[in-house]
């Protein structure tokens, strides 16, 4: 099985991430170095295809910017959410527009079908396990709804190409390449 690849904006885990504690059974908190905001999920492509896609991703029209996190919400299938993520309350529209503008070209460079869903910038903080029971998932949703992050401002300064970590028990992802954000889009 080939590792999955994706292009994302790395997110530094500030003191706000310390509030993501006391997780319910069946929920795994992301490692602080795994926090990111996905631009394009490429899936199990070859490394060369992922690198071509990352080269195209470097055309994203974003300068370094700050975004503000709001509520933690379930993402994925509404019946069986696969992620618990912080939605953006400042910067969401700007990021969605920048991602939308470059995403199809990224997918074309990787040779994968384009994404049909609209861009929805978010930062995943934790995931219910694949084998989590319905009761564990319900408890995870209650936990996420009660989580108060305090409206942290998060600075995004670079774009990165990620793949699976070689030490998956410790961290889920690893950065393979990085590029600084150099675009011309103004701060929200």
Protein backbone atom coordinates (compact mmCIF):
# COMPACT_ATOMS: atom_id res chain seq x y z
CA UNK A 1 0.00 0.00 0.00
CA UNK A 2 1.42 3.36 -1.06
CA UNK A 3 1.45 6.23 1.43
CA UNK A 4 -0.98 9.08 0.96
CA UNK A 5 0.20 12.57 0.05
CA UNK A 6 -1.28 16.03 0.58
CA UNK A 7 -0.42 19.70 0.27
CA UNK A 8 -1.15 21.84 3.32
CA UNK A 9 -0.32 24.94 5.33
CA UNK A 10 1.52 23.88 8.52
CA UNK A 11 0.05 25.21 11.77
CA UNK A 12 2.13 25.87 14.87
CA UNK A 13 0.59 24.46 18.02
CA UNK A 14 0.52 27.44 20.36
CA UNK A 15 -0.65 27.44 23.95
CA UNK A 16 -4.24 27.20 22.62
CA UNK A 17 -3.59 23.57 21.66
CA UNK A 18 -3.06 22.69 25.34
CA UNK A 19 -6.86 23.07 25.71
CA UNK A 20 -7.30 19.97 23.54
CA UNK A 21 -7.02 17.60 26.51
CA UNK A 22 -9.01 14.93 28.31
CA UNK A 23 -10.13 13.29 25.11
CA UNK A 24 -12.91 10.73 25.34
CA UNK A 25 -12.25 7.05 24.67
CA UNK A 26 -11.73 6.22 21.02
CA UNK A 27 -10.41 9.69 20.07
CA UNK A 28 -6.79 10.43 19.10
CA UNK A 29 -5.39 13.93 19.47
CA UNK A 30 -3.10 15.04 16.66
CA UNK A 31 0.57 15.40 17.49
CA UNK A 32 1.36 19.15 17.68
CA UNK A 33 3.64 18.85 14.63
CA UNK A 34 0.85 17.21 12.61
CA UNK A 35 -1.43 20.27 12.72
CA UNK A 36 -2.13 21.67 9.27
CA UNK A 37 -4.74 23.25 7.03
CA UNK A 38 -5.20 21.09 3.91
CA UNK A 39 -4.98 22.68 0.48
CA UNK A 40 -5.25 19.48 -1.62
CA UNK A 41 -5.44 15.80 -0.65
CA UNK A 42 -3.70 13.75 -3.34
CA UNK A 43 -4.10 10.25 -1.93
CA UNK A 44 -1.88 7.31 -2.83
CA UNK A 45 -0.02 8.81 -5.79
CA UNK A 46 3.63 8.13 -6.62
CA UNK A 47 6.19 10.46 -5.01
CA UNK A 48 7.05 12.07 -8.37
CA UNK A 49 3.39 12.94 -8.98
CA UNK A 50 3.13 14.43 -5.47
CA UNK A 51 6.22 16.56 -6.09
CA UNK A 52 4.83 17.81 -9.43
CA UNK A 53 1.61 18.74 -7.66
CA UNK A 54 3.54 20.54 -4.93
CA UNK A 55 5.44 22.56 -7.53
CA UNK A 56 2.09 23.75 -8.94
CA UNK A 57 0.80 24.42 -5.42
CA UNK A 58 3.62 26.93 -5.00
CA UNK A 59 1.57 29.23 -7.26
CA UNK A 60 -1.04 29.74 -4.52
CA UNK A 61 -1.74 33.44 -4.14
CA UNK A 62 -1.26 33.74 -0.39
CA UNK A 63 1.12 35.89 1.57
CA UNK A 64 1.82 34.99 5.20
CA UNK A 65 -1.37 35.63 7.16
CA UNK A 66 -3.11 35.13 10.46
CA UNK A 67 -6.39 33.27 10.83
CA UNK A 68 -8.58 32.88 13.89
CA UNK A 69 -10.00 29.58 15.06
CA UNK A 70 -13.54 29.24 16.31
CA UNK A 71 -15.66 26.25 17.23
CA UNK A 72 -14.52 22.64 16.98
CA UNK A 73 -16.89 20.75 14.71
CA UNK A 74 -17.20 17.26 13.22
CA UNK A 75 -16.02 16.86 9.62
CA UNK A 76 -16.52 14.11 7.08
CA UNK A 77 -19.53 11.84 6.87
CA UNK A 78 -22.31 13.36 9.03
CA UNK A 79 -23.27 9.86 10.24
CA UNK A 80 -19.70 8.85 11.16
CA UNK A 81 -17.46 11.94 11.37
CA UNK A 82 -13.80 11.22 10.72
CA UNK A 83 -12.34 14.41 12.17
CA UNK A 84 -12.87 17.01 14.88
CA UNK A 85 -11.66 20.30 13.47
CA UNK A 86 -11.36 23.96 14.32
CA UNK A 87 -13.30 26.11 11.85
CA UNK A 88 -11.94 29.50 10.93
CA UNK A 89 -13.84 32.61 11.99
CA UNK A 90 -11.32 34.99 10.41
CA UNK A 91 -9.64 34.13 7.13
CA UNK A 92 -11.95 31.34 5.96
CA UNK A 93 -13.24 33.08 2.81
CA UNK A 94 -9.80 34.33 1.79
CA UNK A 95 -8.27 30.86 2.18
CA UNK A 96 -11.18 29.13 0.45
CA UNK A 97 -10.79 31.44 -2.55
CA UNK A 98 -7.00 30.96 -2.74
CA UNK A 99 -7.33 27.17 -2.44
CA UNK A 100 -10.11 27.02 -5.03
CA UNK A 101 -8.05 29.05 -7.49
CA UNK A 102 -5.12 26.59 -7.50
CA UNK A 103 -6.63 23.25 -6.45
CA UNK A 104 -7.69 21.92 -9.89
CA UNK A 105 -4.20 22.55 -11.28
CA UNK A 106 -2.67 20.71 -8.29
CA UNK A 107 -4.89 17.69 -8.92
CA UNK A 108 -4.13 17.75 -12.65
CA UNK A 109 -0.38 17.79 -11.96
CA UNK A 110 -0.78 14.77 -9.65
CA UNK A 111 -3.01 12.96 -12.16
CA UNK A 112 -5.92 12.59 -9.74
CA UNK A 113 -9.60 13.52 -10.18
CA UNK A 114 -10.52 17.03 -9.11
CA UNK A 115 -12.30 17.63 -5.82
CA UNK A 116 -16.03 18.15 -6.21
CA UNK A 117 -16.67 19.67 -2.78
CA UNK A 118 -16.08 23.38 -2.17
CA UNK A 119 -12.95 24.29 -0.22
CA UNK A 120 -13.68 24.43 3.51
CA UNK A 121 -10.55 25.55 5.39
CA UNK A 122 -10.23 23.95 8.82
CA UNK A 123 -7.58 22.56 11.16
CA UNK A 124 -8.12 19.00 12.36
CA UNK A 125 -7.26 18.63 16.04
CA UNK A 126 -8.34 15.05 16.75
CA UNK A 127 -9.87 12.00 15.08
CA UNK A 128 -12.25 9.31 16.27
CA UNK A 129 -10.65 5.92 15.75
CA UNK A 130 -11.78 3.84 12.77
CA UNK A 131 -13.14 1.26 15.18
CA UNK A 132 -14.79 3.77 17.55
CA UNK A 133 -18.25 2.67 18.61
CA UNK A 134 -21.35 4.78 18.06
CA UNK A 135 -21.33 5.64 21.76
CA UNK A 136 -17.68 6.73 21.57
CA UNK A 137 -18.43 8.86 18.51
CA UNK A 138 -21.38 10.49 20.29
CA UNK A 139 -19.18 11.27 23.27
CA UNK A 140 -16.52 12.66 20.92
CA UNK A 141 -19.09 15.04 19.40
CA UNK A 142 -20.18 16.22 22.87
CA UNK A 143 -16.53 16.75 23.82
CA UNK A 144 -15.82 18.74 20.63
CA UNK A 145 -18.91 20.93 21.12
CA UNK A 146 -17.79 21.79 24.66
CA UNK A 147 -14.18 22.58 23.71
CA UNK A 148 -13.28 26.27 24.06
CA UNK A 149 -10.10 27.17 22.19
CA UNK A 150 -10.31 30.85 23.14
CA UNK A 151 -10.32 32.23 19.58
CA UNK A 152 -6.60 31.80 18.95
CA UNK A 153 -4.88 33.61 16.09
CA UNK A 154 -2.71 31.24 14.07
CA UNK A 155 -0.02 32.48 11.68
CA UNK A 156 0.34 30.65 8.35
CA UNK A 157 3.70 31.28 6.68
CA UNK A 158 4.49 28.31 4.45
CA UNK A 159 3.17 25.58 2.22
CA UNK A 160 4.27 21.97 2.73
CA UNK A 161 4.08 18.61 1.02
CA UNK A 162 3.17 15.88 3.50
CA UNK A 163 3.11 12.11 3.47
CA UNK A 164 2.68 9.44 6.13
CA UNK A 165 5.13 9.41 9.00
CA UNK A 166 7.48 6.47 9.27
CA UNK A 167 6.61 6.35 13.00
CA UNK A 168 2.78 6.28 12.67
CA UNK A 169 2.22 5.42 16.34
CA UNK A 170 3.92 8.66 17.33
CA UNK A 171 3.01 11.05 14.50
CA UNK A 172 0.70 10.59 11.54
CA UNK A 173 2.48 12.79 9.00
CA UNK A 174 5.86 14.10 7.96
CA UNK A 175 6.81 17.10 5.87
CA UNK A 176 8.76 16.23 2.72
CA UNK A 177 9.16 19.73 1.21
CA UNK A 178 8.39 23.31 2.25
CA UNK A 179 7.90 26.62 0.44
CA UNK A 180 7.39 30.06 2.00
CA UNK A 181 4.11 31.81 1.17
CA UNK A 182 4.94 34.68 -1.19
CA UNK A 183 1.63 35.57 -2.80
CA UNK A 184 -0.01 38.94 -2.98
CA UNK A 185 -3.32 38.35 -1.22
CA UNK A 186 -3.93 40.89 1.52
CA UNK A 187 -4.50 39.95 5.15
CA UNK A 188 -8.23 39.56 6.02
